[in-house]
PDB file of N, CA and C in Angstrom:
ATOM      1  N   MET A   1     221.154 -38.696 -72.051  1.00  0.00           N
ATOM      2  CA  MET A   1     220.786 -40.087 -71.892  1.00  0.00           C
ATOM      3  C   MET A   1     219.984 -40.553 -73.109  1.00  0.00           C
ATOM      4  N   ARG A   2     220.264 -41.746 -73.539  1.00  0.00           N
ATOM      5  CA  ARG A   2     219.519 -42.318 -74.655  1.00  0.00           C
ATOM      6  C   ARG A   2     218.083 -42.591 -74.234  1.00  0.00           C
ATOM      7  N   GLU A   3     217.162 -42.363 -75.146  1.00  0.00           N
ATOM      8  CA  GLU A   3     215.759 -42.637 -74.855  1.00  0.00           C
ATOM      9  C   GLU A   3     215.369 -44.062 -75.172  1.00  0.00           C
ATOM     10  N   ILE A   4     216.110 -44.677 -76.090  1.00  0.00           N
ATOM     11  CA  ILE A   4     215.771 -46.043 -76.487  1.00  0.00           C
ATOM     12  C   ILE A   4     217.033 -46.886 -76.626  1.00  0.00           C
ATOM     13  N   ILE A   5     216.853 -48.183 -76.520  1.00  0.00           N
ATOM     14  CA  ILE A   5     217.913 -49.144 -76.809  1.00  0.00           C
ATOM     15  C   ILE A   5     217.458 -49.921 -78.037  1.00  0.00           C
ATOM     16  N   VAL A   6     218.300 -49.947 -79.051  1.00  0.00           N
ATOM     17  CA  VAL A   6     217.982 -50.638 -80.295  1.00  0.00           C
ATOM     18  C   VAL A   6     218.941 -51.813 -80.457  1.00  0.00           C
ATOM     19  N   PHE A   7     218.392 -52.983 -80.721  1.00  0.00           N
ATOM     20  CA  PHE A   7     219.177 -54.192 -80.958  1.00  0.00           C
ATOM     21  C   PHE A   7     219.214 -54.446 -82.461  1.00  0.00           C
ATOM     22  N   GLU A   8     220.057 -53.689 -83.159  1.00  0.00           N
ATOM     23  CA  GLU A   8     220.097 -53.754 -84.615  1.00  0.00           C
ATOM     24  C   GLU A   8     220.556 -55.106 -85.138  1.00  0.00           C
ATOM     25  N   SER A   9     221.389 -55.801 -84.397  1.00  0.00           N
ATOM     26  CA  SER A   9     221.927 -57.073 -84.878  1.00  0.00           C
ATOM     27  C   SER A   9     220.847 -58.140 -85.057  1.00  0.00           C
ATOM     28  N   ILE A  10     219.747 -58.012 -84.368  1.00  0.00           N
ATOM     29  CA  ILE A  10     218.693 -59.014 -84.464  1.00  0.00           C
ATOM     30  C   ILE A  10     217.928 -58.910 -85.785  1.00  0.00           C
ATOM     31  N   VAL A  11     217.955 -57.752 -86.413  1.00  0.00           N
ATOM     32  CA  VAL A  11     217.160 -57.519 -87.620  1.00  0.00           C
ATOM     33  C   VAL A  11     217.536 -58.479 -88.743  1.00  0.00           C
ATOM     34  N   ASP A  12     218.823 -58.681 -88.974  1.00  0.00           N
ATOM     35  CA  ASP A  12     219.241 -59.600 -90.043  1.00  0.00           C
ATOM     36  C   ASP A  12     218.826 -61.032 -89.734  1.00  0.00           C
ATOM     37  N   GLN A  13     218.919 -61.424 -88.481  1.00  0.00           N
ATOM     38  CA  GLN A  13     218.484 -62.767 -88.095  1.00  0.00           C
ATOM     39  C   GLN A  13     216.993 -62.956 -88.372  1.00  0.00           C
ATOM     40  N   VAL A  14     216.212 -61.957 -88.011  1.00  0.00           N
ATOM     41  CA  VAL A  14     214.766 -62.022 -88.219  1.00  0.00           C
ATOM     42  C   VAL A  14     214.444 -62.053 -89.707  1.00  0.00           C
ATOM     43  N   ALA A  15     215.150 -61.247 -90.487  1.00  0.00           N
ATOM     44  CA  ALA A  15     214.904 -61.184 -91.935  1.00  0.00           C
ATOM     45  C   ALA A  15     215.117 -62.538 -92.601  1.00  0.00           C
ATOM     46  N   LEU A  16     216.078 -63.298 -92.129  1.00  0.00           N
ATOM     47  CA  LEU A  16     216.321 -64.625 -92.694  1.00  0.00           C
ATOM     48  C   LEU A  16     215.201 -65.607 -92.347  1.00  0.00           C
ATOM     49  N   LYS A  17     214.709 -65.520 -91.130  1.00  0.00           N
ATOM     50  CA  LYS A  17     213.683 -66.455 -90.661  1.00  0.00           C
ATOM     51  C   LYS A  17     212.270 -66.048 -91.064  1.00  0.00           C
ATOM     52  N   ARG A  18     212.028 -64.729 -91.146  1.00  0.00           N
ATOM     53  CA  ARG A  18     210.676 -64.239 -91.421  1.00  0.00           C
ATOM     54  C   ARG A  18     210.729 -63.087 -92.423  1.00  0.00           C
ATOM     55  N   PRO A  19     211.029 -63.372 -93.681  1.00  0.00           N
ATOM     56  CA  PRO A  19     211.184 -62.299 -94.677  1.00  0.00           C
ATOM     57  C   PRO A  19     209.929 -61.461 -94.873  1.00  0.00           C
ATOM     58  N   GLU A  20     208.757 -61.998 -94.540  1.00  0.00           N
ATOM     59  CA  GLU A  20     207.510 -61.255 -94.736  1.00  0.00           C
ATOM     60  C   GLU A  20     207.381 -60.049 -93.806  1.00  0.00           C
ATOM     61  N   ILE A  21     208.135 -60.027 -92.707  1.00  0.00           N
ATOM     62  CA  ILE A  21     208.058 -58.882 -91.787  1.00  0.00           C
ATOM     63  C   ILE A  21     209.314 -58.014 -91.839  1.00  0.00           C
ATOM     64  N   ALA A  22     210.293 -58.414 -92.634  1.00  0.00           N
ATOM     65  CA  ALA A  22     211.590 -57.734 -92.639  1.00  0.00           C
ATOM     66  C   ALA A  22     211.500 -56.275 -93.083  1.00  0.00           C
ATOM     67  N   LYS A  23     210.688 -55.977 -94.088  1.00  0.00           N
ATOM     68  CA  LYS A  23     210.617 -54.601 -94.607  1.00  0.00           C
ATOM     69  C   LYS A  23     210.133 -53.627 -93.529  1.00  0.00           C
ATOM     70  N   ASP A  24     209.023 -53.947 -92.875  1.00  0.00           N
ATOM     71  CA  ASP A  24     208.490 -53.069 -91.822  1.00  0.00           C
ATOM     72  C   ASP A  24     209.460 -52.965 -90.649  1.00  0.00           C
ATOM     73  N   LEU A  25     210.073 -54.087 -90.299  1.00  0.00           N
ATOM     74  CA  LEU A  25     211.015 -54.077 -89.186  1.00  0.00           C
ATOM     75  C   LEU A  25     212.227 -53.213 -89.512  1.00  0.00           C
ATOM     76  N   ARG A  26     212.799 -53.377 -90.701  1.00  0.00           N
ATOM     77  CA  ARG A  26     213.962 -52.563 -91.089  1.00  0.00           C
ATOM     78  C   ARG A  26     213.626 -51.070 -91.092  1.00  0.00           C
ATOM     79  N   ARG A  27     212.423 -50.725 -91.597  1.00  0.00           N
ATOM     80  CA  ARG A  27     212.000 -49.318 -91.602  1.00  0.00           C
ATOM     81  C   ARG A  27     211.914 -48.778 -90.181  1.00  0.00           C
ATOM     82  N   ASP A  28     211.241 -49.512 -89.305  1.00  0.00           N
ATOM     83  CA  ASP A  28     211.062 -49.045 -87.932  1.00  0.00           C
ATOM     84  C   ASP A  28     212.394 -48.931 -87.195  1.00  0.00           C
ATOM     85  N   ILE A  29     213.272 -49.898 -87.375  1.00  0.00           N
ATOM     86  CA  ILE A  29     214.566 -49.858 -86.696  1.00  0.00           C
ATOM     87  C   ILE A  29     215.410 -48.699 -87.217  1.00  0.00           C
ATOM     88  N   ALA A  30     215.354 -48.437 -88.521  1.00  0.00           N
ATOM     89  CA  ALA A  30     216.085 -47.285 -89.079  1.00  0.00           C
ATOM     90  C   ALA A  30     215.566 -45.975 -88.479  1.00  0.00           C
ATOM     91  N   LEU A  31     214.243 -45.853 -88.367  1.00  0.00           N
ATOM     92  CA  LEU A  31     213.661 -44.652 -87.770  1.00  0.00           C
ATOM     93  C   LEU A  31     214.068 -44.511 -86.300  1.00  0.00           C
ATOM     94  N   LEU A  32     213.958 -45.594 -85.559  1.00  0.00           N
ATOM     95  CA  LEU A  32     214.316 -45.556 -84.139  1.00  0.00           C
ATOM     96  C   LEU A  32     215.800 -45.248 -83.953  1.00  0.00           C
ATOM     97  N   SER A  33     216.652 -45.851 -84.773  1.00  0.00           N
ATOM     98  CA  SER A  33     218.096 -45.598 -84.685  1.00  0.00           C
ATOM     99  C   SER A  33     218.422 -44.142 -84.987  1.00  0.00           C
ATOM    100  N   GLY A  34     217.605 -43.522 -85.836  1.00  0.00           N
ATOM    101  CA  GLY A  34     217.795 -42.116 -86.172  1.00  0.00           C
ATOM    102  C   GLY A  34     217.154 -41.161 -85.182  1.00  0.00           C
ATOM    103  N   GLY A  35     216.529 -41.690 -84.147  1.00  0.00           N
ATOM    104  CA  GLY A  35     215.948 -40.842 -83.116  1.00  0.00           C
ATOM    105  C   GLY A  35     214.462 -40.563 -83.252  1.00  0.00           C
ATOM    106  N   THR A  36     213.813 -41.142 -84.268  1.00  0.00           N
ATOM    107  CA  THR A  36     212.371 -40.950 -84.448  1.00  0.00           C
ATOM    108  C   THR A  36     211.620 -41.965 -83.595  1.00  0.00           C
ATOM    109  N   LEU A  37     210.824 -41.473 -82.688  1.00  0.00           N
ATOM    110  CA  LEU A  37     210.057 -42.345 -81.791  1.00  0.00           C
ATOM    111  C   LEU A  37     208.734 -42.733 -82.432  1.00  0.00           C
ATOM    112  N   PRO A  38     208.125 -43.831 -81.978  1.00  0.00           N
ATOM    113  CA  PRO A  38     206.811 -44.200 -82.523  1.00  0.00           C
ATOM    114  C   PRO A  38     205.782 -43.124 -82.196  1.00  0.00           C
ATOM    115  N   THR A  39     204.842 -42.960 -83.093  1.00  0.00           N
ATOM    116  CA  THR A  39     203.809 -41.938 -82.903  1.00  0.00           C
ATOM    117  C   THR A  39     202.798 -42.381 -81.847  1.00  0.00           C
ATOM    118  N   ALA A  40     202.052 -41.423 -81.348  1.00  0.00           N
ATOM    119  CA  ALA A  40     200.973 -41.727 -80.401  1.00  0.00           C
ATOM    120  C   ALA A  40     199.953 -42.651 -81.050  1.00  0.00           C
ATOM    121  N   PHE A  41     199.684 -42.454 -82.338  1.00  0.00           N
ATOM    122  CA  PHE A  41     198.749 -43.311 -83.065  1.00  0.00           C
ATOM    123  C   PHE A  41     199.260 -44.750 -83.117  1.00  0.00           C
ATOM    124  N   THR A  42     200.547 -44.911 -83.424  1.00  0.00           N
ATOM    125  CA  THR A  42     201.144 -46.255 -83.486  1.00  0.00           C
ATOM    126  C   THR A  42     201.021 -46.955 -82.144  1.00  0.00           C
ATOM    127  N   LEU A  43     201.326 -46.249 -81.077  1.00  0.00           N
ATOM    128  CA  LEU A  43     201.261 -46.864 -79.752  1.00  0.00           C
ATOM    129  C   LEU A  43     199.833 -47.115 -79.294  1.00  0.00           C
ATOM    130  N   ALA A  44     198.914 -46.237 -79.666  1.00  0.00           N
ATOM    131  CA  ALA A  44     197.509 -46.448 -79.293  1.00  0.00           C
ATOM    132  C   ALA A  44     196.948 -47.703 -79.952  1.00  0.00           C
ATOM    133  N   ALA A  45     197.450 -48.021 -81.131  1.00  0.00           N
ATOM    134  CA  ALA A  45     196.978 -49.204 -81.860  1.00  0.00           C
ATOM    135  C   ALA A  45     197.699 -50.485 -81.428  1.00  0.00           C
ATOM    136  N   ALA A  46     198.747 -50.350 -80.646  1.00  0.00           N
ATOM    137  CA  ALA A  46     199.562 -51.506 -80.251  1.00  0.00           C
ATOM    138  C   ALA A  46     198.912 -52.276 -79.106  1.00  0.00           C
ATOM    139  N   PRO A  47     199.117 -53.594 -79.078  1.00  0.00           N
ATOM    140  CA  PRO A  47     198.651 -54.359 -77.917  1.00  0.00           C
ATOM    141  C   PRO A  47     199.426 -53.936 -76.672  1.00  0.00           C
ATOM    142  N   SER A  48     198.850 -54.148 -75.510  1.00  0.00           N
ATOM    143  CA  SER A  48     199.543 -53.807 -74.266  1.00  0.00           C
ATOM    144  C   SER A  48     200.057 -55.075 -73.597  1.00  0.00           C
ATOM    145  N   LEU A  49     201.143 -54.912 -72.873  1.00  0.00           N
ATOM    146  CA  LEU A  49     201.772 -56.024 -72.153  1.00  0.00           C
ATOM    147  C   LEU A  49     201.919 -55.604 -70.702  1.00  0.00           C
ATOM    148  N   ASP A  50     201.265 -56.334 -69.803  1.00  0.00           N
ATOM    149  CA  ASP A  50     201.269 -56.010 -68.376  1.00  0.00           C
ATOM    150  C   ASP A  50     201.964 -57.119 -67.605  1.00  0.00           C
ATOM    151  N   LYS A  51     202.491 -56.761 -66.436  1.00  0.00           N
ATOM    152  CA  LYS A  51     203.210 -57.710 -65.584  1.00  0.00           C
ATOM    153  C   LYS A  51     204.255 -58.451 -66.416  1.00  0.00           C
ATOM    154  N   TRP A  52     205.045 -57.675 -67.140  1.00  0.00           N
ATOM    155  CA  TRP A  52     205.994 -58.226 -68.095  1.00  0.00           C
ATOM    156  C   TRP A  52     207.393 -58.290 -67.510  1.00  0.00           C
ATOM    157  N   LEU A  53     208.201 -59.120 -68.119  1.00  0.00           N
ATOM    158  CA  LEU A  53     209.620 -59.184 -67.818  1.00  0.00           C
ATOM    159  C   LEU A  53     210.349 -59.681 -69.051  1.00  0.00           C
ATOM    160  N   SER A  54     211.659 -59.460 -69.072  1.00  0.00           N
ATOM    161  CA  SER A  54     212.454 -59.925 -70.209  1.00  0.00           C
ATOM    162  C   SER A  54     212.988 -61.315 -69.903  1.00  0.00           C
ATOM    163  N   ILE A  55     213.107 -62.107 -70.956  1.00  0.00           N
ATOM    164  CA  ILE A  55     213.680 -63.445 -70.845  1.00  0.00           C
ATOM    165  C   ILE A  55     214.731 -63.587 -71.944  1.00  0.00           C
ATOM    166  N   VAL A  56     215.750 -64.350 -71.660  1.00  0.00           N
ATOM    167  CA  VAL A  56     216.841 -64.538 -72.613  1.00  0.00           C
ATOM    168  C   VAL A  56     216.773 -65.957 -73.148  1.00  0.00           C
ATOM    169  N   GLY A  57     216.702 -66.044 -74.480  1.00  0.00           N
ATOM    170  CA  GLY A  57     216.733 -67.331 -75.153  1.00  0.00           C
ATOM    171  C   GLY A  57     218.014 -67.442 -75.945  1.00  0.00           C
ATOM    172  N   PRO A  58     218.144 -68.485 -76.745  1.00  0.00           N
ATOM    173  CA  PRO A  58     219.362 -68.642 -77.549  1.00  0.00           C
ATOM    174  C   PRO A  58     219.506 -67.503 -78.572  1.00  0.00           C
ATOM    175  N   GLY A  59     220.409 -66.576 -78.289  1.00  0.00           N
ATOM    176  CA  GLY A  59     220.686 -65.479 -79.205  1.00  0.00           C
ATOM    177  C   GLY A  59     219.609 -64.434 -79.319  1.00  0.00           C
ATOM    178  N   VAL A  60     218.664 -64.400 -78.394  1.00  0.00           N
ATOM    179  CA  VAL A  60     217.554 -63.467 -78.504  1.00  0.00           C
ATOM    180  C   VAL A  60     217.032 -63.096 -77.117  1.00  0.00           C
ATOM    181  N   ILE A  61     216.536 -61.861 -77.009  1.00  0.00           N
ATOM    182  CA  ILE A  61     215.829 -61.421 -75.806  1.00  0.00           C
ATOM    183  C   ILE A  61     214.366 -61.304 -76.199  1.00  0.00           C
ATOM    184  N   GLN A  62     213.477 -61.781 -75.344  1.00  0.00           N
ATOM    185  CA  GLN A  62     212.043 -61.684 -75.581  1.00  0.00           C
ATOM    186  C   GLN A  62     211.386 -61.102 -74.340  1.00  0.00           C
ATOM    187  N   LEU A  63     210.138 -60.722 -74.475  1.00  0.00           N
ATOM    188  CA  LEU A  63     209.347 -60.274 -73.341  1.00  0.00           C
ATOM    189  C   LEU A  63     208.246 -61.295 -73.101  1.00  0.00           C
ATOM    190  N   THR A  64     207.854 -61.422 -71.861  1.00  0.00           N
ATOM    191  CA  THR A  64     206.707 -62.252 -71.532  1.00  0.00           C
ATOM    192  C   THR A  64     205.837 -61.456 -70.562  1.00  0.00           C
ATOM    193  N   GLY A  65     204.545 -61.675 -70.644  1.00  0.00           N
ATOM    194  CA  GLY A  65     203.617 -60.966 -69.787  1.00  0.00           C
ATOM    195  C   GLY A  65     202.195 -61.206 -70.256  1.00  0.00           C
ATOM    196  N   PHE A  66     201.272 -60.443 -69.704  1.00  0.00           N
ATOM    197  CA  PHE A  66     199.857 -60.593 -70.025  1.00  0.00           C
ATOM    198  C   PHE A  66     199.470 -59.570 -71.089  1.00  0.00           C
ATOM    199  N   VAL A  67     199.090 -60.061 -72.250  1.00  0.00           N
ATOM    200  CA  VAL A  67     198.777 -59.205 -73.389  1.00  0.00           C
ATOM    201  C   VAL A  67     197.273 -58.956 -73.476  1.00  0.00           C
ATOM    202  N   THR A  68     196.918 -57.760 -73.920  1.00  0.00           N
ATOM    203  CA  THR A  68     195.530 -57.448 -74.276  1.00  0.00           C
ATOM    204  C   THR A  68     195.537 -56.728 -75.625  1.00  0.00           C
ATOM    205  N   SER A  69     194.468 -56.918 -76.356  1.00  0.00           N
ATOM    206  CA  SER A  69     194.248 -56.272 -77.657  1.00  0.00           C
ATOM    207  C   SER A  69     195.274 -56.679 -78.711  1.00  0.00           C
ATOM    208  N   HIS A  70     195.736 -57.903 -78.652  1.00  0.00           N
ATOM    209  CA  HIS A  70     196.668 -58.416 -79.663  1.00  0.00           C
ATOM    210  C   HIS A  70     195.866 -58.792 -80.910  1.00  0.00           C
ATOM    211  N   PRO A  71     196.379 -58.481 -82.108  1.00  0.00           N
ATOM    212  CA  PRO A  71     195.609 -58.768 -83.328  1.00  0.00           C
ATOM    213  C   PRO A  71     195.482 -60.256 -83.659  1.00  0.00           C
ATOM    214  N   ILE A  72     196.336 -61.104 -83.074  1.00  0.00           N
ATOM    215  CA  ILE A  72     196.305 -62.532 -83.400  1.00  0.00           C
ATOM    216  C   ILE A  72     196.023 -63.394 -82.175  1.00  0.00           C
ATOM    217  N   ARG A  73     196.631 -63.062 -81.065  1.00  0.00           N
ATOM    218  CA  ARG A  73     196.515 -63.887 -79.856  1.00  0.00           C
ATOM    219  C   ARG A  73     195.382 -63.421 -78.952  1.00  0.00           C
ATOM    220  N   GLN A  74     194.869 -64.382 -78.200  1.00  0.00           N
ATOM    221  CA  GLN A  74     193.849 -64.045 -77.202  1.00  0.00           C
ATOM    222  C   GLN A  74     194.518 -63.350 -76.022  1.00  0.00           C
ATOM    223  N   ASN A  75     193.720 -62.590 -75.273  1.00  0.00           N
ATOM    224  CA  ASN A  75     194.238 -61.956 -74.063  1.00  0.00           C
ATOM    225  C   ASN A  75     194.769 -63.023 -73.121  1.00  0.00           C
ATOM    226  N   GLY A  76     195.931 -62.773 -72.552  1.00  0.00           N
ATOM    227  CA  GLY A  76     196.518 -63.738 -71.624  1.00  0.00           C
ATOM    228  C   GLY A  76     198.031 -63.723 -71.702  1.00  0.00           C
ATOM    229  N   LEU A  77     198.632 -64.728 -71.112  1.00  0.00           N
ATOM    230  CA  LEU A  77     200.086 -64.831 -71.033  1.00  0.00           C
ATOM    231  C   LEU A  77     200.682 -65.152 -72.399  1.00  0.00           C
ATOM    232  N   VAL A  78     201.704 -64.390 -72.795  1.00  0.00           N
ATOM    233  CA  VAL A  78     202.385 -64.599 -74.080  1.00  0.00           C
ATOM    234  C   VAL A  78     203.895 -64.468 -73.892  1.00  0.00           C
ATOM    235  N   VAL A  79     204.611 -64.983 -74.863  1.00  0.00           N
ATOM    236  CA  VAL A  79     206.028 -64.704 -75.050  1.00  0.00           C
ATOM    237  C   VAL A  79     206.120 -64.023 -76.399  1.00  0.00           C
ATOM    238  N   THR A  80     206.736 -62.863 -76.447  1.00  0.00           N
ATOM    239  CA  THR A  80     206.795 -62.093 -77.687  1.00  0.00           C
ATOM    240  C   THR A  80     207.849 -62.668 -78.636  1.00  0.00           C
ATOM    241  N   SER A  81     207.843 -62.140 -79.837  1.00  0.00           N
ATOM    242  CA  SER A  81     208.941 -62.409 -80.752  1.00  0.00           C
ATOM    243  C   SER A  81     210.166 -61.648 -80.247  1.00  0.00           C
ATOM    244  N   ALA A  82     211.262 -61.719 -80.966  1.00  0.00           N
ATOM    245  CA  ALA A  82     212.529 -61.127 -80.535  1.00  0.00           C
ATOM    246  C   ALA A  82     212.403 -59.631 -80.259  1.00  0.00           C
ATOM    247  N   LEU A  83     213.003 -59.194 -79.163  1.00  0.00           N
ATOM    248  CA  LEU A  83     213.020 -57.783 -78.811  1.00  0.00           C
ATOM    249  C   LEU A  83     214.034 -57.061 -79.695  1.00  0.00           C
ATOM    250  N   CYS A  84     213.577 -56.026 -80.382  1.00  0.00           N
ATOM    251  CA  CYS A  84     214.441 -55.258 -81.289  1.00  0.00           C
ATOM    252  C   CYS A  84     214.740 -53.859 -80.773  1.00  0.00           C
ATOM    253  N   ALA A  85     213.848 -53.294 -79.989  1.00  0.00           N
ATOM    254  CA  ALA A  85     214.061 -51.963 -79.409  1.00  0.00           C
ATOM    255  C   ALA A  85     213.146 -51.812 -78.199  1.00  0.00           C
ATOM    256  N   ILE A  86     213.628 -51.011 -77.239  1.00  0.00           N
ATOM    257  CA  ILE A  86     212.814 -50.759 -76.049  1.00  0.00           C
ATOM    258  C   ILE A  86     213.086 -49.338 -75.551  1.00  0.00           C
ATOM    259  N   ASP A  87     212.037 -48.701 -75.123  1.00  0.00           N
ATOM    260  CA  ASP A  87     212.110 -47.366 -74.532  1.00  0.00           C
ATOM    261  C   ASP A  87     212.777 -47.482 -73.163  1.00  0.00           C
ATOM    262  N   CYS A  88     213.736 -46.629 -72.876  1.00  0.00           N
ATOM    263  CA  CYS A  88     214.460 -46.689 -71.603  1.00  0.00           C
ATOM    264  C   CYS A  88     213.578 -46.389 -70.395  1.00  0.00           C
ATOM    265  N   ARG A  89     212.434 -45.790 -70.619  1.00  0.00           N
ATOM    266  CA  ARG A  89     211.477 -45.557 -69.522  1.00  0.00           C
ATOM    267  C   ARG A  89     210.434 -46.670 -69.475  1.00  0.00           C
ATOM    268  N   PHE A  90     210.609 -47.675 -70.300  1.00  0.00           N
ATOM    269  CA  PHE A  90     209.745 -48.856 -70.340  1.00  0.00           C
ATOM    270  C   PHE A  90     208.277 -48.524 -70.614  1.00  0.00           C
ATOM    271  N   ARG A  91     208.056 -47.623 -71.594  1.00  0.00           N
ATOM    272  CA  ARG A  91     206.691 -47.288 -72.010  1.00  0.00           C
ATOM    273  C   ARG A  91     206.261 -48.103 -73.220  1.00  0.00           C
ATOM    274  N   TRP A  92     207.223 -48.549 -74.042  1.00  0.00           N
ATOM    275  CA  TRP A  92     206.918 -49.321 -75.240  1.00  0.00           C
ATOM    276  C   TRP A  92     208.125 -50.172 -75.623  1.00  0.00           C
ATOM    277  N   ALA A  93     207.848 -51.165 -76.458  1.00  0.00           N
ATOM    278  CA  ALA A  93     208.902 -52.017 -77.012  1.00  0.00           C
ATOM    279  C   ALA A  93     208.535 -52.346 -78.451  1.00  0.00           C
ATOM    280  N   ARG A  94     209.564 -52.550 -79.275  1.00  0.00           N
ATOM    281  CA  ARG A  94     209.352 -53.014 -80.657  1.00  0.00           C
ATOM    282  C   ARG A  94     209.974 -54.396 -80.749  1.00  0.00           C
ATOM    283  N   THR A  95     209.146 -55.384 -81.001  1.00  0.00           N
ATOM    284  CA  THR A  95     209.646 -56.730 -81.228  1.00  0.00           C
ATOM    285  C   THR A  95     209.770 -56.931 -82.734  1.00  0.00           C
ATOM    286  N   SER A  96     210.191 -58.094 -83.145  1.00  0.00           N
ATOM    287  CA  SER A  96     210.350 -58.319 -84.580  1.00  0.00           C
ATOM    288  C   SER A  96     209.024 -58.252 -85.321  1.00  0.00           C
ATOM    289  N   SER A  97     207.922 -58.457 -84.630  1.00  0.00           N
ATOM    290  CA  SER A  97     206.628 -58.457 -85.325  1.00  0.00           C
ATOM    291  C   SER A  97     205.774 -57.213 -85.098  1.00  0.00           C
ATOM    292  N   ARG A  98     205.973 -56.481 -83.983  1.00  0.00           N
ATOM    293  CA  ARG A  98     205.082 -55.343 -83.710  1.00  0.00           C
ATOM    294  C   ARG A  98     205.571 -54.525 -82.517  1.00  0.00           C
ATOM    295  N   TYR A  99     204.897 -53.396 -82.337  1.00  0.00           N
ATOM    296  CA  TYR A  99     205.080 -52.592 -81.130  1.00  0.00           C
ATOM    297  C   TYR A  99     204.175 -53.121 -80.030  1.00  0.00           C
ATOM    298  N   TYR A 100     204.595 -52.927 -78.782  1.00  0.00           N
ATOM    299  CA  TYR A 100     203.771 -53.197 -77.602  1.00  0.00           C
ATOM    300  C   TYR A 100     203.814 -51.974 -76.706  1.00  0.00           C
ATOM    301  N   ARG A 101     202.683 -51.644 -76.104  1.00  0.00           N
ATOM    302  CA  ARG A 101     202.656 -50.659 -75.027  1.00  0.00           C
ATOM    303  C   ARG A 101     202.961 -51.421 -73.750  1.00  0.00           C
ATOM    304  N   LEU A 102     203.948 -50.970 -73.017  1.00  0.00           N
ATOM    305  CA  LEU A 102     204.340 -51.660 -71.796  1.00  0.00           C
ATOM    306  C   LEU A 102     203.637 -51.025 -70.601  1.00  0.00           C
ATOM    307  N   LEU A 103     202.984 -51.854 -69.816  1.00  0.00           N
ATOM    308  CA  LEU A 103     202.336 -51.396 -68.594  1.00  0.00           C
ATOM    309  C   LEU A 103     203.286 -51.705 -67.433  1.00  0.00           C
ATOM    310  N   SER A 104     202.820 -52.223 -66.335  1.00  0.00           N
ATOM    311  CA  SER A 104     203.675 -52.461 -65.168  1.00  0.00           C
ATOM    312  C   SER A 104     204.595 -53.658 -65.376  1.00  0.00           C
ATOM    313  N   PRO A 105     205.906 -53.466 -65.151  1.00  0.00           N
ATOM    314  CA  PRO A 105     206.786 -54.631 -65.176  1.00  0.00           C
ATOM    315  C   PRO A 105     206.459 -55.545 -63.998  1.00  0.00           C
ATOM    316  N   LEU A 106     206.778 -56.793 -64.112  1.00  0.00           N
ATOM    317  CA  LEU A 106     206.432 -57.756 -63.069  1.00  0.00           C
ATOM    318  C   LEU A 106     206.994 -57.360 -61.717  1.00  0.00           C
ATOM    319  N   HIS A 107     208.238 -56.874 -61.666  1.00  0.00           N
ATOM    320  CA  HIS A 107     208.825 -56.511 -60.370  1.00  0.00           C
ATOM    321  C   HIS A 107     208.079 -55.368 -59.709  1.00  0.00           C
ATOM    322  N   GLU A 108     207.480 -54.456 -60.476  1.00  0.00           N
ATOM    323  CA  GLU A 108     206.677 -53.368 -59.890  1.00  0.00           C
ATOM    324  C   GLU A 108     205.301 -53.859 -59.486  1.00  0.00           C
ATOM    325  N   ALA A 109     204.764 -54.815 -60.220  1.00  0.00           N
ATOM    326  CA  ALA A 109     203.434 -55.325 -59.922  1.00  0.00           C
ATOM    327  C   ALA A 109     203.388 -56.030 -58.577  1.00  0.00           C
ATOM    328  N   HIS A 110     204.543 -56.500 -58.086  1.00  0.00           N
ATOM    329  CA  HIS A 110     204.583 -57.258 -56.841  1.00  0.00           C
ATOM    330  C   HIS A 110     205.265 -56.510 -55.694  1.00  0.00           C
ATOM    331  N   ARG A 111     205.460 -55.221 -55.839  1.00  0.00           N
ATOM    332  CA  ARG A 111     206.075 -54.435 -54.766  1.00  0.00           C
ATOM    333  C   ARG A 111     205.077 -54.252 -53.619  1.00  0.00           C
ATOM    334  N   ASN A 112     205.592 -54.232 -52.411  1.00  0.00           N
ATOM    335  CA  ASN A 112     204.741 -54.072 -51.233  1.00  0.00           C
ATOM    336  C   ASN A 112     205.043 -52.802 -50.461  1.00  0.00           C
ATOM    337  N   ASP A 113     205.355 -51.707 -51.151  1.00  0.00           N
ATOM    338  CA  ASP A 113     205.655 -50.484 -50.394  1.00  0.00           C
ATOM    339  C   ASP A 113     204.593 -49.448 -50.534  1.00  0.00           C
TER     340      ASP A 113
END
């Protein structure tokens, strides 16, 4: 079973719109596509996203949820940049701008069992 899902087609779209992040994104996607997972250090430094779910926009998938420890945004509800890769066990995601540590998905946060 694959450990991650990589959306390689989004990288070129992002590079056209945001060339300042393209180099890091291309490097990370190449590593992930080759089977190299993010390090514990990388994930420890990443903001966390809780009560999250995926949303589909025009030509892009994004995540939304409650973020903490984001380097730019205040703690609270956010919509991420384009989703580029996600761990199949939903422990982390790589968007076009950064990694996120994924906490409870919204559907699990509201379970009553």
